[in-house]
C-alpha atoms as a PDB file:
ATOM      1  CA  MET A   1      89.078 105.134   7.810  1.00  0.00           C
ATOM      2  CA  THR A   2      87.738 101.429   8.104  1.00  0.00           C
ATOM      3  CA  ASN A   3      90.616 100.563   5.541  1.00  0.00           C
ATOM      4  CA  ALA A   4      93.248 101.843   7.567  1.00  0.00           C
ATOM      5  CA  ALA A   5      92.292  99.381  10.529  1.00  0.00           C
ATOM      6  CA  ILE A   6      92.609  96.575   7.928  1.00  0.00           C
ATOM      7  CA  THR A   7      96.167  97.844   6.673  1.00  0.00           C
ATOM      8  CA  GLN A   8      97.157  98.126   9.982  1.00  0.00           C
ATOM      9  CA  MET A   9      96.090  94.769  10.798  1.00  0.00           C
ATOM     10  CA  GLU A  10      97.781  93.336   7.683  1.00  0.00           C
ATOM     11  CA  THR A  11     101.020  94.982   8.417  1.00  0.00           C
ATOM     12  CA  VAL A  12     101.229  93.422  11.993  1.00  0.00           C
ATOM     13  CA  GLN A  13     100.458  90.216  10.366  1.00  0.00           C
ATOM     14  CA  GLN A  14     103.272  90.463   8.069  1.00  0.00           C
ATOM     15  CA  ALA A  15     105.415  91.474  10.620  1.00  0.00           C
ATOM     16  CA  LEU A  16     104.416  88.214  12.594  1.00  0.00           C
ATOM     17  CA  ASN A  17     104.652  86.289   9.457  1.00  0.00           C
ATOM     18  CA  GLN A  18     108.467  87.412   9.033  1.00  0.00           C
ATOM     19  CA  TYR A  19     109.054  86.613  12.791  1.00  0.00           C
ATOM     20  CA  GLU A  20     107.948  83.345  12.518  1.00  0.00           C
ATOM     21  CA  LEU A  21     110.070  82.414   9.090  1.00  0.00           C
ATOM     22  CA  GLU A  22     113.055  83.950  11.274  1.00  0.00           C
ATOM     23  CA  GLN A  23     112.249  81.372  13.874  1.00  0.00           C
ATOM     24  CA  GLY A  24     112.521  78.405  11.642  1.00  0.00           C
ATOM     25  CA  LEU A  25     108.626  77.696  10.932  1.00  0.00           C
ATOM     26  CA  PRO A  26     107.552  77.113   7.529  1.00  0.00           C
ATOM     27  CA  THR A  27     104.951  79.041   5.478  1.00  0.00           C
ATOM     28  CA  ILE A  28     101.151  78.012   6.833  1.00  0.00           C
ATOM     29  CA  GLN A  29     100.145  75.266   4.445  1.00  0.00           C
ATOM     30  CA  SER A  30      97.542  72.591   4.862  1.00  0.00           C
ATOM     31  CA  PRO A  31      98.925  69.250   5.219  1.00  0.00           C
ATOM     32  CA  SER A  32      95.935  67.356   3.818  1.00  0.00           C
ATOM     33  CA  THR A  33      93.387  67.803   1.355  1.00  0.00           C
ATOM     34  CA  ALA A  34      89.660  67.882   2.350  1.00  0.00           C
ATOM     35  CA  ASP A  35      89.040  64.438   0.862  1.00  0.00           C
ATOM     36  CA  GLU A  36      91.959  62.849   2.680  1.00  0.00           C
ATOM     37  CA  LEU A  37      90.630  64.413   6.172  1.00  0.00           C
ATOM     38  CA  ASN A  38      87.035  63.353   5.147  1.00  0.00           C
ATOM     39  CA  GLN A  39      88.181  60.023   4.764  1.00  0.00           C
ATOM     40  CA  TYR A  40      89.517  59.804   8.148  1.00  0.00           C
ATOM     41  CA  LEU A  41      86.861  61.401   9.703  1.00  0.00           C
ATOM     42  CA  ASN A  42      84.039  59.223   8.528  1.00  0.00           C
ATOM     43  CA  MET A  43      85.459  55.929   8.836  1.00  0.00           C
ATOM     44  CA  ASN A  44      82.554  53.643   9.801  1.00  0.00           C
ATOM     45  CA  ARG A  45      83.000  50.593  12.442  1.00  0.00           C
ATOM     46  CA  ASN A  46      83.881  48.046   9.665  1.00  0.00           C
ATOM     47  CA  GLN A  47      86.455  50.138   8.023  1.00  0.00           C
ATOM     48  CA  LEU A  48      87.991  50.833  11.648  1.00  0.00           C
ATOM     49  CA  ASP A  49      87.902  46.660  12.200  1.00  0.00           C
ATOM     50  CA  LYS A  50      89.886  46.272   8.985  1.00  0.00           C
ATOM     51  CA  LEU A  51      92.454  48.999   9.700  1.00  0.00           C
ATOM     52  CA  PRO A  52      95.919  47.682   9.501  1.00  0.00           C
ATOM     53  CA  ILE A  53      97.914  48.254  12.788  1.00  0.00           C
ATOM     54  CA  GLU A  54     100.460  50.710  10.892  1.00  0.00           C
ATOM     55  CA  ASP A  55      97.628  52.515   9.269  1.00  0.00           C
ATOM     56  CA  CYS A  56      96.168  53.375  12.852  1.00  0.00           C
ATOM     57  CA  VAL A  57      99.506  55.111  13.653  1.00  0.00           C
ATOM     58  CA  ILE A  58      99.891  56.781   9.978  1.00  0.00           C
ATOM     59  CA  ILE A  59      96.536  58.399  10.111  1.00  0.00           C
ATOM     60  CA  ALA A  60      96.977  59.443  13.625  1.00  0.00           C
ATOM     61  CA  ILE A  61     100.072  61.297  12.933  1.00  0.00           C
ATOM     62  CA  ARG A  62      97.894  63.021   9.727  1.00  0.00           C
ATOM     63  CA  LEU A  63      95.365  63.854  11.953  1.00  0.00           C
ATOM     64  CA  LYS A  64      97.888  65.786  14.350  1.00  0.00           C
ATOM     65  CA  GLN A  65      99.451  67.423  11.530  1.00  0.00           C
ATOM     66  CA  PHE A  66      95.901  68.942  10.550  1.00  0.00           C
ATOM     67  CA  ALA A  67      95.293  69.677  14.204  1.00  0.00           C
ATOM     68  CA  LEU A  68      98.529  71.259  14.518  1.00  0.00           C
ATOM     69  CA  TYR A  69      97.828  73.281  10.956  1.00  0.00           C
ATOM     70  CA  LEU A  70      94.469  74.208  12.890  1.00  0.00           C
ATOM     71  CA  GLN A  71      96.310  75.538  15.655  1.00  0.00           C
ATOM     72  CA  ARG A  72      98.537  77.484  13.996  1.00  0.00           C
ATOM     73  CA  LEU A  73      95.604  79.243  12.028  1.00  0.00           C
ATOM     74  CA  ASN A  74      93.979  79.959  15.472  1.00  0.00           C
ATOM     75  CA  ASN A  75      97.293  81.356  16.600  1.00  0.00           C
ATOM     76  CA  ILE A  76      97.161  83.781  13.639  1.00  0.00           C
ATOM     77  CA  GLU A  77      93.217  84.696  14.566  1.00  0.00           C
ATOM     78  CA  GLN A  78      94.333  84.908  18.304  1.00  0.00           C
ATOM     79  CA  SER A  79      96.989  87.394  17.280  1.00  0.00           C
ATOM     80  CA  ARG A  80      94.474  89.656  15.439  1.00  0.00           C
ATOM     81  CA  LEU A  81      92.026  89.482  18.290  1.00  0.00           C
ATOM     82  CA  THR A  82      94.994  90.724  20.700  1.00  0.00           C
ATOM     83  CA  TRP A  83      95.871  93.514  18.192  1.00  0.00           C
ATOM     84  CA  ALA A  84      92.247  94.648  17.657  1.00  0.00           C
ATOM     85  CA  ALA A  85      91.491  94.758  21.210  1.00  0.00           C
ATOM     86  CA  ALA A  86      94.674  96.538  22.160  1.00  0.00           C
ATOM     87  CA  THR A  87      94.223  99.011  19.197  1.00  0.00           C
ATOM     88  CA  ALA A  88      90.799  99.797  20.123  1.00  0.00           C
ATOM     89  CA  ASN A  89      91.509 100.804  23.957  1.00  0.00           C
ATOM     90  CA  ARG A  90      94.617 102.711  22.548  1.00  0.00           C
ATOM     91  CA  TYR A  91      92.423 104.620  20.340  1.00  0.00           C
ATOM     92  CA  VAL A  92      89.497 105.560  22.943  1.00  0.00           C
ATOM     93  CA  ALA A  93      92.083 106.392  25.523  1.00  0.00           C
ATOM     94  CA  HIS A  94      94.060 108.644  23.011  1.00  0.00           C
ATOM     95  CA  ASN A  95      91.178 110.305  21.436  1.00  0.00           C
ATOM     96  CA  LYS A  96      89.552 110.542  25.112  1.00  0.00           C
ATOM     97  CA  LEU A  97      86.271 109.144  23.459  1.00  0.00           C
ATOM     98  CA  LEU A  98      85.023 108.084  26.720  1.00  0.00           C
ATOM     99  CA  SER A  99      84.478 111.591  27.800  1.00  0.00           C
ATOM    100  CA  ARG A 100      82.033 112.156  24.911  1.00  0.00           C
ATOM    101  CA  LEU A 101      79.760 109.609  26.271  1.00  0.00           C
ATOM    102  CA  PRO A 102      76.425 111.091  27.745  1.00  0.00           C
ATOM    103  CA  SER A 103      76.244 110.659  31.177  1.00  0.00           C
ATOM    104  CA  SER A 104      73.493 107.879  31.100  1.00  0.00           C
ATOM    105  CA  THR A 105      76.110 105.577  30.058  1.00  0.00           C
ATOM    106  CA  GLN A 106      78.091 105.810  32.933  1.00  0.00           C
ATOM    107  CA  TYR A 107      76.883 102.603  34.124  1.00  0.00           C
ATOM    108  CA  PHE A 108      77.226 100.933  31.093  1.00  0.00           C
ATOM    109  CA  LYS A 109      80.017  98.044  30.946  1.00  0.00           C
ATOM    110  CA  ALA A 110      83.001  98.461  28.920  1.00  0.00           C
ATOM    111  CA  ASP A 111      82.259  96.535  25.974  1.00  0.00           C
ATOM    112  CA  MET A 112      79.045  98.641  25.727  1.00  0.00           C
ATOM    113  CA  LYS A 113      80.562 102.042  25.990  1.00  0.00           C
ATOM    114  CA  LEU A 114      82.942 100.853  23.117  1.00  0.00           C
ATOM    115  CA  GLU A 115      79.733 100.010  21.141  1.00  0.00           C
ATOM    116  CA  THR A 116      78.342 102.974  21.820  1.00  0.00           C
ATOM    117  CA  ILE A 117      81.353 105.270  20.841  1.00  0.00           C
ATOM    118  CA  ALA A 118      81.593 102.804  17.497  1.00  0.00           C
ATOM    119  CA  ALA A 119      78.030 103.759  16.592  1.00  0.00           C
ATOM    120  CA  SER A 120      79.678 107.145  15.620  1.00  0.00           C
ATOM    121  CA  ASP A 121      83.133 106.085  14.741  1.00  0.00           C
ATOM    122  CA  ASN A 122      83.858 103.953  11.744  1.00  0.00           C
ATOM    123  CA  TYR A 123      87.409 103.287  12.628  1.00  0.00           C
ATOM    124  CA  LEU A 124      86.481 101.969  16.006  1.00  0.00           C
ATOM    125  CA  ALA A 125      83.374 100.159  14.741  1.00  0.00           C
ATOM    126  CA  LYS A 126      86.194  98.491  12.129  1.00  0.00           C
ATOM    127  CA  LEU A 127      88.409  97.240  14.918  1.00  0.00           C
ATOM    128  CA  LEU A 128      85.563  95.881  16.918  1.00  0.00           C
ATOM    129  CA  GLN A 129      84.257  94.045  13.754  1.00  0.00           C
ATOM    130  CA  ILE A 130      87.626  92.585  13.433  1.00  0.00           C
ATOM    131  CA  GLN A 131      87.878  91.638  17.208  1.00  0.00           C
ATOM    132  CA  THR A 132      84.608  89.824  16.831  1.00  0.00           C
ATOM    133  CA  TYR A 133      85.433  88.016  13.529  1.00  0.00           C
ATOM    134  CA  ALA A 134      88.730  86.920  15.054  1.00  0.00           C
ATOM    135  CA  GLN A 135      86.853  85.595  18.359  1.00  0.00           C
ATOM    136  CA  GLN A 136      84.443  83.595  16.506  1.00  0.00           C
ATOM    137  CA  ARG A 137      87.236  81.969  14.281  1.00  0.00           C
ATOM    138  CA  CYS A 138      89.506  81.096  17.161  1.00  0.00           C
ATOM    139  CA  ASP A 139      86.472  79.524  19.102  1.00  0.00           C
ATOM    140  CA  ARG A 140      85.813  77.137  15.824  1.00  0.00           C
ATOM    141  CA  LEU A 141      89.287  76.318  15.232  1.00  0.00           C
ATOM    142  CA  THR A 142      89.879  75.783  18.893  1.00  0.00           C
ATOM    143  CA  TYR A 143      87.224  73.281  18.943  1.00  0.00           C
ATOM    144  CA  LEU A 144      88.169  71.559  15.630  1.00  0.00           C
ATOM    145  CA  SER A 145      91.823  71.225  16.862  1.00  0.00           C
ATOM    146  CA  ALA A 146      91.319  69.686  19.771  1.00  0.00           C
ATOM    147  CA  CYS A 147      88.632  66.927  18.299  1.00  0.00           C
ATOM    148  CA  LEU A 148      91.234  65.936  15.575  1.00  0.00           C
ATOM    149  CA  LYS A 149      93.727  65.436  18.392  1.00  0.00           C
ATOM    150  CA  SER A 150      91.245  63.149  20.397  1.00  0.00           C
ATOM    151  CA  LEU A 151      90.570  61.299  17.201  1.00  0.00           C
ATOM    152  CA  ALA A 152      94.280  60.611  16.688  1.00  0.00           C
ATOM    153  CA  ALA A 153      94.383  59.601  20.317  1.00  0.00           C
ATOM    154  CA  THR A 154      91.458  57.168  19.632  1.00  0.00           C
ATOM    155  CA  LEU A 155      93.322  55.588  16.546  1.00  0.00           C
ATOM    156  CA  ILE A 156      96.579  55.112  18.726  1.00  0.00           C
ATOM    157  CA  ASP A 157      94.314  53.494  21.530  1.00  0.00           C
ATOM    158  CA  LEU A 158      92.930  51.310  18.794  1.00  0.00           C
ATOM    159  CA  GLN A 159      96.228  50.575  17.528  1.00  0.00           C
ATOM    160  CA  ARG A 160      97.343  49.027  21.100  1.00  0.00           C
ATOM    161  CA  ALA A 161      94.360  46.938  21.297  1.00  0.00           C
ATOM    162  CA  LYS A 162      95.100  45.422  17.850  1.00  0.00           C
ATOM    163  CA  LEU A 163      98.346  44.793  19.115  1.00  0.00           C
ATOM    164  CA  THR A 164      97.117  43.203  22.344  1.00  0.00           C
ATOM    165  CA  MET A 165      94.923  40.978  20.365  1.00  0.00           C
ATOM    166  CA  GLN A 166      97.267  40.108  18.028  1.00  0.00           C
ATOM    167  CA  LYS A 167     100.133  39.035  20.882  1.00  0.00           C
ATOM    168  CA  GLU A 168      97.196  36.945  22.450  1.00  0.00           C
ATOM    169  CA  SER A 169      96.356  34.975  19.219  1.00  0.00           C
END
């Protein structure tokens, strides 16, 4: 039954992908190679000092494009997380699984109750596994996207500083 959870999730993801296409959004593709991004992320002070004014803006735009890409990936993981949580709750409620718990678990928090049930229910265990994995990926993607946006803003500030220094010369 664990494959059923994955199959259901994939069906939902396909429907959401189709919805995005209908809204005019292109398929998700990385706007950059790892080498290009690595080059921007690892510029030292000397490279930043020598960076032409125009390149500051171009690199900032590229970083924001990559941040948008990461945000879209985060949205996919967030939708998986939402689906898995809602499906797990419906599954437990529909099958009246909480009533099967021993009375010693009555004071457990909701997530612990789900984990207790999942110990003997493969379908629920798979849903919780999907949920945990999606949450971990969301956490990582959110941080990375925010860092790239911050770096892009810093490059715009550098461009402004260089323009100011150029005018003063």
